[in-house]
Amino acid sequence: MRIFETEYGTFQVPDFPKIKTKKGELLLPVMCPVLVPRELIQANNYNPNNVAKNNMELLQTSIMDNGFCFAIITVWDKDIGKFVIVDGFHRDTILDDWLGAEEIPIIVLEQSTAQRMAATVQFNRARGVHQVELMGDLVQALIDQGASDDEIAKHLGMDFEEVFRLKQITGIAEIFKNQTYSKSWEMREVDNG
């Protein structure tokens, strides 16, 4: 059990449980979130990640539709008496600035400055990107389930043009799905001499 004394009271963070994996024991910080007052959260000064406004709006929609599913990852900084964000700055921004939450769910890691900086980049880069074809398939599946373009745009954080383009991609792919193609041309050497 770790105990953090703050001007807002004492916060206890249980020891992280572990599970066994093929590569050894794995800590489960996800099992130990704590609620702290918003004033105890501090952004880090090194996060290279930037999120476009439309994606921030999608994040808010996701939080409102699904609840707050991912706690803010932090470390305790005893020098400033606050929990410094390692991952979740944008989720924190939505909870605090956009929704006005008074308490924030956090997970408190024990890491050196170098470890937490590396973790921030690891978390950001591990999220990946969405492939256009798979996004098109997702849009098509939502259409098949009766979703309107407005609903798709709102819940997937797209503008209408993007929904239209993805519908075109899946529509064109569907037209040619089972076609056999022949070579339309082939290269040959020509003797010009």
Protein backbone atom coordinates (compact mmCIF):
# COMPACT_ATOMS: atom_id res chain seq x y z
CA MET A 1 0.00 0.00 0.00
CA ARG A 2 1.31 3.42 -0.97
CA ILE A 3 0.10 6.50 0.89
CA PHE A 4 0.15 10.05 -0.48
CA GLU A 5 -0.32 12.99 1.89
CA THR A 6 -1.75 16.05 0.13
CA GLU A 7 -3.39 19.29 1.11
CA TYR A 8 -6.69 17.64 0.10
CA GLY A 9 -6.24 14.62 2.34
CA THR A 10 -4.54 11.26 2.31
CA PHE A 11 -4.84 8.94 -0.67
CA GLN A 12 -4.09 5.23 -0.48
CA VAL A 13 -3.06 3.25 -3.52
CA PRO A 14 -3.06 -0.53 -3.06
CA ASP A 15 -0.17 -2.64 -4.29
CA PHE A 16 -0.77 -3.70 -7.88
CA PRO A 17 -1.95 -7.29 -8.30
CA LYS A 18 -0.03 -9.50 -10.71
CA ILE A 19 -0.83 -12.23 -13.18
CA LYS A 20 1.48 -14.83 -14.67
CA THR A 21 2.21 -14.77 -18.39
CA LYS A 22 4.49 -16.74 -20.69
CA LYS A 23 7.05 -13.92 -20.31
CA GLY A 24 6.83 -13.59 -16.53
CA GLU A 25 4.70 -11.73 -14.01
CA LEU A 26 2.72 -8.75 -15.22
CA LEU A 27 1.65 -5.91 -12.93
CA LEU A 28 -2.00 -4.83 -13.17
CA PRO A 29 -2.16 -1.11 -12.33
CA VAL A 30 -5.52 -1.05 -14.13
CA MET A 31 -7.01 -2.77 -11.08
CA CYS A 32 -6.09 0.09 -8.71
CA PRO A 33 -7.58 3.42 -9.80
CA VAL A 34 -8.24 6.12 -7.18
CA LEU A 35 -10.38 9.26 -7.33
CA VAL A 36 -8.56 12.49 -6.51
CA PRO A 37 -9.60 16.16 -6.62
CA ARG A 38 -8.96 17.80 -9.98
CA GLU A 39 -6.58 20.28 -8.35
CA LEU A 40 -4.09 17.47 -7.62
CA ILE A 41 -3.54 16.67 -11.32
CA GLN A 42 -0.69 18.35 -13.22
CA ALA A 43 0.10 18.01 -16.94
CA ASN A 44 3.62 16.96 -17.84
CA ASN A 45 5.84 19.32 -19.81
CA TYR A 46 7.12 16.89 -22.44
CA ASN A 47 4.14 15.24 -24.18
CA PRO A 48 4.67 15.48 -27.97
CA ASN A 49 1.13 14.30 -28.76
CA ASN A 50 -1.39 16.72 -30.24
CA VAL A 51 -5.05 15.92 -30.92
CA ALA A 52 -7.16 17.74 -33.50
CA LYS A 53 -10.33 19.49 -32.30
CA ASN A 54 -12.62 17.03 -34.10
CA ASN A 55 -10.89 14.11 -32.35
CA MET A 56 -11.24 15.88 -29.00
CA GLU A 57 -14.96 16.22 -29.73
CA LEU A 58 -15.04 12.50 -30.56
CA LEU A 59 -13.27 11.74 -27.29
CA GLN A 60 -15.95 13.70 -25.42
CA THR A 61 -18.66 11.83 -27.33
CA SER A 62 -16.99 8.53 -26.45
CA ILE A 63 -16.80 9.44 -22.77
CA MET A 64 -20.43 10.55 -22.72
CA ASP A 65 -21.61 7.47 -24.67
CA ASN A 66 -19.48 4.85 -22.92
CA GLY A 67 -18.50 6.34 -19.58
CA PHE A 68 -14.95 7.05 -18.47
CA CYS A 69 -13.26 3.72 -19.24
CA PHE A 70 -9.55 4.60 -19.01
CA ALA A 71 -8.11 6.23 -15.90
CA ILE A 72 -5.45 8.93 -16.20
CA ILE A 73 -1.98 7.41 -15.75
CA THR A 74 0.15 9.46 -13.34
CA VAL A 75 3.20 9.49 -11.11
CA TRP A 76 3.45 11.26 -7.75
CA ASP A 77 5.76 14.28 -7.76
CA LYS A 78 6.61 14.98 -4.13
CA ASP A 79 8.37 18.25 -5.02
CA ILE A 80 5.12 19.85 -6.21
CA GLY A 81 2.73 17.69 -4.21
CA LYS A 82 0.73 16.63 -7.27
CA PHE A 83 0.10 13.68 -9.55
CA VAL A 84 1.79 14.36 -12.91
CA ILE A 85 0.12 12.93 -16.02
CA VAL A 86 2.04 10.23 -17.89
CA ASP A 87 -0.85 9.29 -20.21
CA GLY A 88 -4.35 10.68 -20.51
CA PHE A 89 -3.80 14.41 -20.89
CA HIS A 90 -6.60 14.69 -23.44
CA ARG A 91 -9.01 12.58 -21.36
CA ASP A 92 -8.15 14.82 -18.40
CA THR A 93 -8.83 17.91 -20.53
CA ILE A 94 -12.28 16.57 -21.44
CA LEU A 95 -13.13 15.71 -17.83
CA ASP A 96 -11.84 18.97 -16.41
CA ASP A 97 -12.17 21.74 -18.98
CA TRP A 98 -15.07 20.43 -21.06
CA LEU A 99 -17.19 18.56 -18.50
CA GLY A 100 -16.17 20.28 -15.26
CA ALA A 101 -15.53 17.11 -13.24
CA GLU A 102 -14.45 17.75 -9.65
CA GLU A 103 -12.68 14.40 -9.22
CA ILE A 104 -10.50 12.51 -11.66
CA PRO A 105 -9.83 8.74 -11.69
CA ILE A 106 -6.09 8.09 -11.78
CA ILE A 107 -3.62 5.24 -11.66
CA VAL A 108 -0.35 6.01 -9.88
CA LEU A 109 2.79 4.38 -11.30
CA GLU A 110 6.18 4.38 -9.60
CA GLN A 111 8.61 5.53 -12.29
CA SER A 112 11.69 7.66 -12.71
CA THR A 113 11.46 10.74 -14.94
CA ALA A 114 13.11 8.84 -17.81
CA GLN A 115 10.72 5.89 -17.42
CA ARG A 116 7.63 8.09 -17.39
CA MET A 117 8.80 10.05 -20.44
CA ALA A 118 9.34 6.79 -22.31
CA ALA A 119 5.94 5.51 -21.12
CA THR A 120 4.21 8.62 -22.50
CA VAL A 121 5.65 7.98 -25.97
CA GLN A 122 4.93 4.23 -25.72
CA PHE A 123 1.29 4.83 -24.82
CA ASN A 124 0.89 7.38 -27.63
CA ARG A 125 2.56 5.32 -30.35
CA ALA A 126 1.00 1.99 -29.36
CA ARG A 127 -2.50 3.29 -30.13
CA GLY A 128 -1.94 2.91 -33.86
CA VAL A 129 -3.96 4.37 -36.71
CA HIS A 130 -7.16 3.33 -38.40
CA GLN A 131 -6.85 1.74 -41.83
CA VAL A 132 -9.06 3.28 -44.48
CA GLU A 133 -10.42 -0.02 -45.78
CA LEU A 134 -11.35 -1.22 -42.28
CA MET A 135 -12.98 2.13 -41.49
CA GLY A 136 -14.95 1.79 -44.72
CA ASP A 137 -16.08 -1.68 -43.65
CA LEU A 138 -17.13 -0.28 -40.28
CA VAL A 139 -19.16 2.49 -41.94
CA GLN A 140 -20.79 -0.08 -44.23
CA ALA A 141 -21.67 -2.29 -41.24
CA LEU A 142 -23.26 0.69 -39.46
CA ILE A 143 -25.26 1.53 -42.60
CA ASP A 144 -26.37 -2.12 -42.81
CA GLN A 145 -27.61 -1.81 -39.22
CA GLY A 146 -29.68 1.25 -40.14
CA ALA A 147 -27.43 4.08 -38.94
CA SER A 148 -27.84 7.38 -40.75
CA ASP A 149 -24.94 9.43 -42.11
CA ASP A 150 -25.58 11.93 -39.29
CA GLU A 151 -25.31 9.22 -36.63
CA ILE A 152 -22.18 7.76 -38.18
CA ALA A 153 -20.51 11.17 -38.42
CA LYS A 154 -21.37 12.04 -34.82
CA HIS A 155 -20.40 8.77 -33.17
CA LEU A 156 -17.25 8.13 -35.20
CA GLY A 157 -16.04 11.74 -35.14
CA MET A 158 -16.17 12.26 -38.88
CA ASP A 159 -17.43 15.03 -41.08
CA PHE A 160 -19.98 14.20 -43.78
CA GLU A 161 -17.35 14.26 -46.53
CA GLU A 162 -15.35 11.53 -44.79
CA VAL A 163 -18.46 9.37 -44.32
CA PHE A 164 -19.28 9.88 -48.02
CA ARG A 165 -15.72 8.94 -49.10
CA LEU A 166 -15.78 5.79 -46.96
CA LYS A 167 -19.17 4.85 -48.39
CA GLN A 168 -17.72 5.29 -51.89
CA ILE A 169 -14.70 3.14 -51.08
CA THR A 170 -16.81 0.26 -49.82
CA GLY A 171 -19.30 0.66 -52.65
CA ILE A 172 -16.60 0.57 -55.33
CA ALA A 173 -14.88 -2.36 -53.64
CA GLU A 174 -18.22 -4.22 -53.54
CA ILE A 175 -18.76 -3.75 -57.30
CA PHE A 176 -15.40 -5.36 -58.16
CA LYS A 177 -15.24 -7.88 -55.30
CA ASN A 178 -15.47 -11.12 -57.35
CA GLN A 179 -14.08 -9.94 -60.69
CA THR A 180 -11.29 -11.65 -62.57
CA TYR A 181 -8.81 -9.22 -64.03
CA SER A 182 -6.67 -9.52 -67.14
CA LYS A 183 -3.51 -7.62 -67.87
CA SER A 184 -4.38 -4.49 -69.77
CA TRP A 185 -0.87 -4.13 -71.10
CA GLU A 186 2.52 -5.73 -70.86
CA MET A 187 6.05 -4.47 -71.30
CA ARG A 188 8.24 -5.65 -74.20
CA GLU A 189 11.66 -4.61 -75.36
CA VAL A 190 11.60 -2.98 -78.77
CA ASP A 191 14.65 -2.90 -81.02
CA ASN A 192 14.86 0.66 -82.36
CA GLY A 193 17.99 0.07 -84.31
